[in-house]
Protein backbone atom coordinates (compact mmCIF):
# COMPACT_ATOMS: atom_id res chain seq x y z
CA MET A 1 0.00 0.00 0.00
CA ARG A 2 2.85 2.40 0.78
CA TRP A 3 4.37 1.87 -2.66
CA LEU A 4 1.06 3.02 -4.22
CA GLN A 5 1.19 6.28 -2.25
CA ILE A 6 4.76 6.85 -3.38
CA LYS A 7 3.84 6.13 -6.99
CA VAL A 8 0.84 8.49 -6.85
CA LYS A 9 2.96 11.21 -5.24
CA LYS A 10 5.58 10.86 -7.99
CA GLN A 11 2.89 11.13 -10.65
CA LEU A 12 1.43 14.21 -8.99
CA ASP A 13 4.89 15.78 -8.75
CA LEU A 14 5.48 15.10 -12.45
CA MET A 15 2.15 16.64 -13.36
CA LYS A 16 2.92 19.69 -11.23
CA GLN A 17 6.34 20.05 -12.84
CA PHE A 18 4.75 19.81 -16.29
CA CYS A 19 2.27 22.55 -15.34
CA TYR A 20 5.10 24.83 -14.15
CA ILE A 21 6.89 24.31 -17.45
CA GLN A 22 3.70 25.05 -19.42
CA VAL A 23 3.12 28.25 -17.46
CA GLN A 24 6.66 29.40 -18.29
CA VAL A 25 6.17 28.53 -21.96
CA LEU A 26 2.97 30.59 -21.99
CA LYS A 27 4.66 33.53 -20.25
CA ASP A 28 7.46 33.46 -22.83
CA ARG A 29 4.94 33.34 -25.66
CA GLU A 30 2.98 36.22 -24.16
CA MET A 31 6.13 38.36 -23.95
CA ARG A 32 7.03 37.52 -27.57
CA LEU A 33 3.53 38.44 -28.74
CA ARG A 34 3.60 41.71 -26.80
CA LYS A 35 6.90 42.61 -28.48
CA GLU A 36 5.46 41.73 -31.89
CA ILE A 37 2.40 43.91 -31.24
CA GLN A 38 4.64 46.79 -30.17
CA GLU A 39 6.72 46.41 -33.34
CA CYS A 40 3.53 46.38 -35.43
CA GLN A 41 2.34 49.58 -33.78
CA ILE A 42 5.67 51.28 -34.49
CA GLN A 43 5.59 50.15 -38.13
CA LYS A 44 1.96 51.25 -38.47
CA GLU A 45 2.82 54.73 -37.14
CA PHE A 46 5.72 54.95 -39.59
CA VAL A 47 3.61 53.90 -42.58
CA ASN A 48 0.79 56.27 -41.60
CA GLY A 49 3.37 59.06 -41.35
CA MET A 50 4.62 58.20 -44.82
CA ILE A 51 1.07 58.28 -46.16
CA GLU A 52 0.55 61.70 -44.60
CA ASP A 53 3.86 62.99 -45.99
CA LEU A 54 3.02 61.68 -49.46
CA ALA A 55 -0.44 63.25 -49.31
CA ASN A 56 1.12 66.58 -48.32
CA ALA A 57 3.70 66.32 -51.11
CA THR A 58 0.99 65.50 -53.65
CA ALA A 59 -1.12 68.45 -52.47
CA SER A 60 1.92 70.72 -52.64
CA LEU A 61 2.70 69.61 -56.21
CA ALA A 62 -0.93 70.12 -57.24
CA HIS A 63 -0.89 73.61 -55.71
CA ARG A 64 2.32 74.50 -57.57
CA GLU A 65 0.86 73.31 -60.87
CA GLU A 66 -2.15 75.59 -60.36
CA ASN A 67 0.11 78.62 -60.01
């Protein structure tokens, strides 16, 4: 009977260890995704700025052609 308790405890310890590892994997993934989102936001701001600059340049050229 004692050997069964030991075996069950070992299995529970293994399951707990697996869960700790999974939590760490998920934390790492979450950090990676947060960094990717931040990079996307920076790139989006840059591209929107380029669009605005190009729109201003186009408007400026159109204004010059009118004069």
